[in-house]
Amino acid sequence: MAAKPRPVHLDLPKIRLPIPGIVSILHRISGVLLFIALPLLLGLLAASLDRESVFESYLAFVANPIVKLGLIVLLWAFLHHACAGTRFLFLDAHKGLDLKTARLTAKIVLACSLTLTVVIGALLW
C-alpha cells in the first residue's frame, strides 16, 4: 500500500474556516483581550473610586475617541465571549451538535454580539 504524498505547502488564503470555527477562534481572542485588559480596567476603576480629581481625569481620558474605540472593542470582546461561552455550554451538554444547528447557533452568536455591541456602544458613546 503506497502512502499518499504529503502536501508541500499549505495555501492559507484558500483555506476557508467554517462559521463555528470562526466563532471558536473569536471566543479565544476575546478571552485573551479580556484577560489582558482586566488589570488595566480594575486599576482605572480603583483609581476612579479613590478621589474625585482622579475620576475627572478618568473622564477626560475616556473622552478621547481612540480610548472610546478601545473600550468598544473590549465591550465586543465581553459580549462575544459571553454569547459564545453560552453556546459552548450547550454544546458541552450535547445540545445543538448536529451541523445545521451548530452553524445556526454560530451565526446567532456573531449577530447577537455585534448587535449588542452596536446598541450598547451607541448608548454609551
N, C-alpha and C. Protein backbone atom coordinates (compact mmCIF):
# COMPACT_ATOMS: atom_id res chain seq x y z
N MET A 1 0.84 -1.15 0.00
CA MET A 1 0.00 0.00 0.00
C MET A 1 0.90 1.24 0.00
N ALA A 2 0.71 2.09 -1.00
CA ALA A 2 1.53 3.30 -1.13
C ALA A 2 0.94 4.42 -0.29
N ALA A 3 1.83 5.13 0.36
CA ALA A 3 1.39 6.25 1.19
C ALA A 3 1.05 7.44 0.30
N LYS A 4 0.06 8.21 0.71
CA LYS A 4 -0.30 9.40 -0.04
C LYS A 4 0.81 10.44 0.11
N PRO A 5 1.11 11.15 -0.96
CA PRO A 5 2.14 12.19 -0.83
C PRO A 5 1.60 13.35 0.02
N ARG A 6 2.44 13.82 0.90
CA ARG A 6 2.05 14.93 1.77
C ARG A 6 2.13 16.23 0.97
N PRO A 7 1.28 17.19 1.31
CA PRO A 7 1.34 18.47 0.59
C PRO A 7 2.66 19.18 0.88
N VAL A 8 3.17 19.86 -0.13
CA VAL A 8 4.43 20.57 0.02
C VAL A 8 4.23 21.84 0.86
N HIS A 9 3.12 22.50 0.64
CA HIS A 9 2.83 23.71 1.40
C HIS A 9 1.31 23.86 1.54
N LEU A 10 0.92 24.61 2.51
CA LEU A 10 -0.50 24.92 2.69
C LEU A 10 -0.76 26.30 2.09
N ASP A 11 -1.74 26.38 1.23
CA ASP A 11 -2.11 27.65 0.65
C ASP A 11 -3.15 28.29 1.57
N LEU A 12 -2.67 29.02 2.61
CA LEU A 12 -3.53 29.53 3.65
C LEU A 12 -4.65 30.44 3.16
N PRO A 13 -4.43 31.31 2.16
CA PRO A 13 -5.55 32.14 1.69
C PRO A 13 -6.71 31.34 1.10
N LYS A 14 -6.45 30.13 0.62
CA LYS A 14 -7.50 29.32 0.02
C LYS A 14 -8.28 28.50 1.06
N ILE A 15 -7.75 28.39 2.26
CA ILE A 15 -8.42 27.61 3.30
C ILE A 15 -9.53 28.45 3.90
N ARG A 16 -10.76 27.92 3.89
CA ARG A 16 -11.91 28.63 4.46
C ARG A 16 -12.36 27.92 5.72
N LEU A 17 -12.34 28.66 6.80
CA LEU A 17 -12.77 28.13 8.08
C LEU A 17 -14.29 28.24 8.17
N PRO A 18 -14.98 27.19 8.63
CA PRO A 18 -16.44 27.29 8.78
C PRO A 18 -16.81 28.27 9.90
N ILE A 19 -18.06 28.74 9.86
CA ILE A 19 -18.55 29.73 10.84
C ILE A 19 -18.33 29.26 12.29
N PRO A 20 -18.64 28.00 12.64
CA PRO A 20 -18.37 27.60 14.02
C PRO A 20 -16.89 27.70 14.40
N GLY A 21 -16.01 27.47 13.45
CA GLY A 21 -14.58 27.62 13.72
C GLY A 21 -14.19 29.06 13.94
N ILE A 22 -14.79 29.96 13.17
CA ILE A 22 -14.52 31.39 13.33
C ILE A 22 -15.00 31.85 14.71
N VAL A 23 -16.20 31.41 15.11
CA VAL A 23 -16.72 31.77 16.43
C VAL A 23 -15.80 31.23 17.52
N SER A 24 -15.29 30.04 17.35
CA SER A 24 -14.39 29.45 18.34
C SER A 24 -13.10 30.26 18.46
N ILE A 25 -12.52 30.64 17.34
CA ILE A 25 -11.29 31.43 17.38
C ILE A 25 -11.55 32.80 17.97
N LEU A 26 -12.67 33.43 17.59
CA LEU A 26 -13.00 34.74 18.16
C LEU A 26 -13.26 34.64 19.66
N HIS A 27 -13.80 33.51 20.12
CA HIS A 27 -14.01 33.29 21.55
C HIS A 27 -12.67 33.29 22.29
N ARG A 28 -11.70 32.65 21.70
CA ARG A 28 -10.37 32.62 22.32
C ARG A 28 -9.71 33.99 22.30
N ILE A 29 -9.83 34.69 21.16
CA ILE A 29 -9.25 36.03 21.05
C ILE A 29 -9.90 36.98 22.05
N SER A 30 -11.23 36.91 22.15
CA SER A 30 -11.92 37.79 23.09
C SER A 30 -11.52 37.47 24.53
N GLY A 31 -11.32 36.21 24.85
CA GLY A 31 -10.87 35.83 26.19
C GLY A 31 -9.49 36.38 26.50
N VAL A 32 -8.60 36.33 25.54
CA VAL A 32 -7.25 36.88 25.73
C VAL A 32 -7.31 38.39 25.92
N LEU A 33 -8.12 39.08 25.09
CA LEU A 33 -8.27 40.53 25.24
C LEU A 33 -8.79 40.89 26.62
N LEU A 34 -9.80 40.17 27.08
CA LEU A 34 -10.36 40.45 28.41
C LEU A 34 -9.34 40.16 29.51
N PHE A 35 -8.59 39.11 29.37
CA PHE A 35 -7.58 38.76 30.37
C PHE A 35 -6.50 39.82 30.45
N ILE A 36 -6.06 40.32 29.29
CA ILE A 36 -5.02 41.35 29.27
C ILE A 36 -5.55 42.68 29.79
N ALA A 37 -6.80 43.01 29.47
CA ALA A 37 -7.36 44.31 29.84
C ALA A 37 -7.84 44.35 31.28
N LEU A 38 -8.05 43.22 31.90
CA LEU A 38 -8.62 43.19 33.25
C LEU A 38 -7.80 43.99 34.27
N PRO A 39 -6.48 43.83 34.36
CA PRO A 39 -5.73 44.63 35.34
C PRO A 39 -5.84 46.13 35.07
N LEU A 40 -5.82 46.52 33.81
CA LEU A 40 -5.95 47.94 33.46
C LEU A 40 -7.32 48.48 33.88
N LEU A 41 -8.37 47.75 33.55
CA LEU A 41 -9.72 48.20 33.89
C LEU A 41 -9.94 48.23 35.41
N LEU A 42 -9.43 47.24 36.11
CA LEU A 42 -9.56 47.24 37.57
C LEU A 42 -8.77 48.37 38.19
N GLY A 43 -7.60 48.68 37.64
CA GLY A 43 -6.81 49.80 38.13
C GLY A 43 -7.51 51.13 37.89
N LEU A 44 -8.11 51.29 36.71
CA LEU A 44 -8.87 52.51 36.43
C LEU A 44 -10.07 52.64 37.36
N LEU A 45 -10.76 51.54 37.60
CA LEU A 45 -11.91 51.57 38.50
C LEU A 45 -11.49 51.93 39.91
N ALA A 46 -10.45 51.29 40.41
CA ALA A 46 -9.99 51.57 41.78
C ALA A 46 -9.55 53.02 41.92
N ALA A 47 -8.82 53.51 40.92
CA ALA A 47 -8.35 54.90 40.99
C ALA A 47 -9.51 55.87 40.90
N SER A 48 -10.48 55.57 40.06
CA SER A 48 -11.61 56.50 39.90
C SER A 48 -12.48 56.55 41.15
N LEU A 49 -12.47 55.50 41.95
CA LEU A 49 -13.24 55.48 43.19
C LEU A 49 -12.48 56.11 44.36
N ASP A 50 -11.20 56.39 44.15
CA ASP A 50 -10.36 56.90 45.22
C ASP A 50 -10.63 58.38 45.51
N ARG A 51 -10.49 59.23 44.48
CA ARG A 51 -10.68 60.68 44.67
C ARG A 51 -11.45 61.25 43.48
N GLU A 52 -12.11 62.36 43.72
CA GLU A 52 -12.90 63.00 42.67
C GLU A 52 -12.01 63.53 41.55
N SER A 53 -10.82 64.02 41.89
CA SER A 53 -9.92 64.56 40.87
C SER A 53 -9.45 63.45 39.92
N VAL A 54 -9.23 62.27 40.46
CA VAL A 54 -8.83 61.14 39.63
C VAL A 54 -9.98 60.73 38.71
N PHE A 55 -11.19 60.78 39.24
CA PHE A 55 -12.36 60.45 38.42
C PHE A 55 -12.52 61.44 37.28
N GLU A 56 -12.28 62.72 37.54
CA GLU A 56 -12.38 63.73 36.47
C GLU A 56 -11.30 63.52 35.41
N SER A 57 -10.10 63.14 35.82
CA SER A 57 -9.05 62.84 34.84
C SER A 57 -9.39 61.57 34.06
N TYR A 58 -10.05 60.63 34.72
CA TYR A 58 -10.52 59.43 34.04
C TYR A 58 -11.55 59.79 32.97
N LEU A 59 -12.48 60.70 33.30
CA LEU A 59 -13.48 61.13 32.32
C LEU A 59 -12.82 61.80 31.12
N ALA A 60 -11.79 62.59 31.37
CA ALA A 60 -11.06 63.23 30.27
C ALA A 60 -10.34 62.19 29.42
N PHE A 61 -9.80 61.17 30.08
CA PHE A 61 -9.10 60.09 29.36
C PHE A 61 -10.07 59.31 28.48
N VAL A 62 -11.24 59.03 29.00
CA VAL A 62 -12.23 58.24 28.27
C VAL A 62 -12.88 59.06 27.15
N ALA A 63 -12.80 60.36 27.22
CA ALA A 63 -13.38 61.21 26.18
C ALA A 63 -12.58 61.14 24.88
N ASN A 64 -11.36 60.66 24.93
CA ASN A 64 -10.53 60.51 23.73
C ASN A 64 -11.17 59.47 22.80
N PRO A 65 -11.36 59.79 21.50
CA PRO A 65 -12.01 58.84 20.59
C PRO A 65 -11.26 57.52 20.44
N ILE A 66 -9.94 57.54 20.53
CA ILE A 66 -9.18 56.29 20.41
C ILE A 66 -9.44 55.40 21.62
N VAL A 67 -9.53 56.02 22.79
CA VAL A 67 -9.83 55.25 24.01
C VAL A 67 -11.25 54.70 23.93
N LYS A 68 -12.18 55.52 23.43
CA LYS A 68 -13.56 55.04 23.26
C LYS A 68 -13.61 53.84 22.33
N LEU A 69 -12.86 53.91 21.24
CA LEU A 69 -12.82 52.79 20.31
C LEU A 69 -12.27 51.53 20.99
N GLY A 70 -11.21 51.71 21.78
CA GLY A 70 -10.65 50.57 22.52
C GLY A 70 -11.65 49.99 23.50
N LEU A 71 -12.41 50.86 24.16
CA LEU A 71 -13.43 50.38 25.10
C LEU A 71 -14.57 49.66 24.38
N ILE A 72 -14.89 50.12 23.18
CA ILE A 72 -15.92 49.42 22.40
C ILE A 72 -15.42 48.06 21.96
N VAL A 73 -14.13 47.96 21.63
CA VAL A 73 -13.55 46.64 21.30
C VAL A 73 -13.64 45.72 22.52
N LEU A 74 -13.34 46.26 23.70
CA LEU A 74 -13.46 45.45 24.92
C LEU A 74 -14.91 45.09 25.21
N LEU A 75 -15.82 46.00 24.90
CA LEU A 75 -17.24 45.68 25.06
C LEU A 75 -17.63 44.53 24.14
N TRP A 76 -17.17 44.59 22.87
CA TRP A 76 -17.44 43.48 21.94
C TRP A 76 -16.83 42.19 22.49
N ALA A 77 -15.59 42.28 22.99
CA ALA A 77 -14.93 41.07 23.50
C ALA A 77 -15.74 40.45 24.63
N PHE A 78 -16.24 41.29 25.53
CA PHE A 78 -17.04 40.78 26.64
C PHE A 78 -18.33 40.14 26.14
N LEU A 79 -19.03 40.85 25.25
CA LEU A 79 -20.32 40.34 24.77
C LEU A 79 -20.13 39.07 23.93
N HIS A 80 -19.11 39.06 23.06
CA HIS A 80 -18.88 37.86 22.24
C HIS A 80 -18.49 36.69 23.13
N HIS A 81 -17.63 36.95 24.11
CA HIS A 81 -17.19 35.88 24.98
C HIS A 81 -18.36 35.30 25.77
N ALA A 82 -19.27 36.17 26.21
CA ALA A 82 -20.44 35.69 26.94
C ALA A 82 -21.39 34.90 26.05
N CYS A 83 -21.67 35.42 24.85
CA CYS A 83 -22.58 34.72 23.93
C CYS A 83 -21.99 33.38 23.47
N ALA A 84 -20.72 33.41 23.07
CA ALA A 84 -20.09 32.17 22.60
C ALA A 84 -19.92 31.18 23.75
N GLY A 85 -19.62 31.69 24.94
CA GLY A 85 -19.49 30.80 26.10
C GLY A 85 -20.79 30.10 26.41
N THR A 86 -21.91 30.82 26.28
CA THR A 86 -23.21 30.19 26.49
C THR A 86 -23.45 29.11 25.45
N ARG A 87 -23.09 29.41 24.20
CA ARG A 87 -23.23 28.41 23.13
C ARG A 87 -22.39 27.17 23.44
N PHE A 88 -21.15 27.38 23.90
CA PHE A 88 -20.28 26.25 24.19
C PHE A 88 -20.77 25.44 25.39
N LEU A 89 -21.45 26.10 26.34
CA LEU A 89 -22.04 25.34 27.45
C LEU A 89 -23.11 24.38 26.94
N PHE A 90 -23.92 24.86 25.99
CA PHE A 90 -24.93 23.97 25.40
C PHE A 90 -24.27 22.84 24.61
N LEU A 91 -23.20 23.17 23.89
CA LEU A 91 -22.50 22.12 23.15
C LEU A 91 -21.90 21.09 24.11
N ASP A 92 -21.38 21.55 25.24
CA ASP A 92 -20.83 20.62 26.23
C ASP A 92 -21.91 19.72 26.82
N ALA A 93 -23.15 20.21 26.83
CA ALA A 93 -24.28 19.40 27.32
C ALA A 93 -24.88 18.57 26.18
N HIS A 94 -24.19 18.51 25.06
CA HIS A 94 -24.60 17.73 23.88
C HIS A 94 -25.90 18.23 23.28
N LYS A 95 -26.11 19.54 23.31
CA LYS A 95 -27.27 20.16 22.67
C LYS A 95 -26.78 20.96 21.48
N GLY A 96 -27.38 20.75 20.33
CA GLY A 96 -27.01 21.51 19.14
C GLY A 96 -25.74 21.04 18.47
N LEU A 97 -25.45 19.77 18.54
CA LEU A 97 -24.22 19.25 17.95
C LEU A 97 -24.32 18.97 16.45
N ASP A 98 -25.54 18.80 15.94
CA ASP A 98 -25.63 18.50 14.51
C ASP A 98 -25.19 19.72 13.71
N LEU A 99 -24.72 19.48 12.50
CA LEU A 99 -24.06 20.50 11.71
C LEU A 99 -24.96 21.71 11.45
N LYS A 100 -26.21 21.48 11.11
CA LYS A 100 -27.12 22.57 10.78
C LYS A 100 -27.33 23.48 12.00
N THR A 101 -27.57 22.88 13.15
CA THR A 101 -27.78 23.66 14.38
C THR A 101 -26.50 24.37 14.82
N ALA A 102 -25.37 23.70 14.68
CA ALA A 102 -24.09 24.32 15.07
C ALA A 102 -23.81 25.55 14.21
N ARG A 103 -24.07 25.46 12.93
CA ARG A 103 -23.87 26.62 12.06
C ARG A 103 -24.85 27.74 12.40
N LEU A 104 -26.09 27.39 12.67
CA LEU A 104 -27.10 28.39 13.01
C LEU A 104 -26.74 29.10 14.31
N THR A 105 -26.37 28.35 15.34
CA THR A 105 -26.04 28.98 16.62
C THR A 105 -24.78 29.83 16.51
N ALA A 106 -23.84 29.44 15.67
CA ALA A 106 -22.64 30.25 15.47
C ALA A 106 -23.01 31.58 14.82
N LYS A 107 -23.91 31.54 13.84
CA LYS A 107 -24.36 32.79 13.20
C LYS A 107 -25.12 33.66 14.19
N ILE A 108 -25.91 33.04 15.05
CA ILE A 108 -26.66 33.78 16.07
C ILE A 108 -25.69 34.46 17.05
N VAL A 109 -24.64 33.75 17.44
CA VAL A 109 -23.64 34.33 18.35
C VAL A 109 -23.00 35.55 17.72
N LEU A 110 -22.60 35.44 16.46
CA LEU A 110 -21.98 36.58 15.78
C LEU A 110 -22.95 37.75 15.68
N ALA A 111 -24.18 37.47 15.29
CA ALA A 111 -25.17 38.53 15.13
C ALA A 111 -25.50 39.19 16.47
N CYS A 112 -25.69 38.38 17.50
CA CYS A 112 -26.03 38.93 18.81
C CYS A 112 -24.89 39.77 19.38
N SER A 113 -23.68 39.27 19.31
CA SER A 113 -22.57 40.02 19.90
C SER A 113 -22.34 41.34 19.16
N LEU A 114 -22.45 41.32 17.85
CA LEU A 114 -22.26 42.56 17.09
C LEU A 114 -23.42 43.53 17.31
N THR A 115 -24.65 43.02 17.32
CA THR A 115 -25.82 43.88 17.54
C THR A 115 -25.78 44.51 18.93
N LEU A 116 -25.51 43.71 19.95
CA LEU A 116 -25.44 44.24 21.30
C LEU A 116 -24.31 45.25 21.45
N THR A 117 -23.19 45.01 20.78
CA THR A 117 -22.08 45.97 20.83
C THR A 117 -22.47 47.30 20.21
N VAL A 118 -23.16 47.24 19.06
CA VAL A 118 -23.59 48.49 18.42
C VAL A 118 -24.59 49.23 19.28
N VAL A 119 -25.56 48.52 19.82
CA VAL A 119 -26.61 49.17 20.63
C VAL A 119 -26.03 49.76 21.90
N ILE A 120 -25.30 48.96 22.66
CA ILE A 120 -24.74 49.44 23.92
C ILE A 120 -23.66 50.50 23.66
N GLY A 121 -22.85 50.29 22.63
CA GLY A 121 -21.82 51.28 22.29
C GLY A 121 -22.43 52.61 21.89
N ALA A 122 -23.54 52.58 21.15
CA ALA A 122 -24.22 53.83 20.76
C ALA A 122 -24.80 54.52 21.98
N LEU A 123 -25.31 53.76 22.93
CA LEU A 123 -25.86 54.36 24.15
C LEU A 123 -24.77 54.99 25.00
N LEU A 124 -23.61 54.38 25.03
CA LEU A 124 -22.52 54.88 25.87
C LEU A 124 -21.66 55.93 25.19
N TRP A 125 -21.67 55.99 23.89
CA TRP A 125 -20.81 56.92 23.16
C TRP A 125 -21.20 58.32 23.50
